[in-house]
């Protein structure tokens, strides 16, 4: 009974919020749906509209390419502020086809912006590649355990295999998750959940280097213990490298809405941090 009351109150608040910002942003149907579903059966609102998408530009015969699979929860997908149109040869791979990258990115949950177009431009402008390819498979509001099972994992694995078959290799998996394992309602133990995801990936032949972000902040406090657990997985011997610590981007200028998702300025800074992480992991060469 109490749970139903809480959900009703939250629904009313979301309605008022949607009415207030309705002239600037789409009404938050995704938020409403999440309030009425148990965490084990959240709907994935992947962006799949290819109608206005343009075929990817070709790579010169002597060009260098980087190929990335991305996975995680909402901050790995299309929940960031603003929009971004890459100037370089940045590609969005989706359902066996390659398109010029644009926000919102195909295959990712959400309808706003992601960090990946900015990261692609940064890598190209710095001379690390002439073309950068991203395939998105993340889904908002997921614990590490949920990403290791069910339709979320299946979509990730299928996308990875298709990406690898098309381009011959996947240079790295870029993973951002942690906020939902910090939230009290998840009741989750991060360590066995993350271990299960990594074990399943390797068993399924998903063997690209894995860059694991440190992330816990979602408008509340920074979970130092969760960050420690995330860092414990980093092992070059196991092909697991440190992604950026995005909890460092807690200033309000880097976040939007409820201080969870990133603003345009936050996405730009996060992209810069991803370059640093890939450099530190030995993934980039001039």
Foldseek 3Di string as FASTA:
>chain_A
DVLVVVLVVVLVVLVVVCVVCVVPDPRPPLVNQVSPDDLLDRDFAFDADCPPWAAFDDADPPWFEAEEEEEEADQRAFPEAAWDAAPAREWEDDPLGITRATPRGGQHGDGHYHLVSLLQNVCVVVPQGRYYYYYYQYGHPDALLSCQDDPSVVSSVVSLVSSCVVPVDHQEYEYEYAQNVLDPVVVDDRQVSNVSNLVVCVVSVVQHQYAYEQDHDALDDRDPVSSVSSVVPADVVSSYFYAYHLVVVQDPQQADDSSGHGYPVVSNVSSVRRVVRCVVSVSTDD
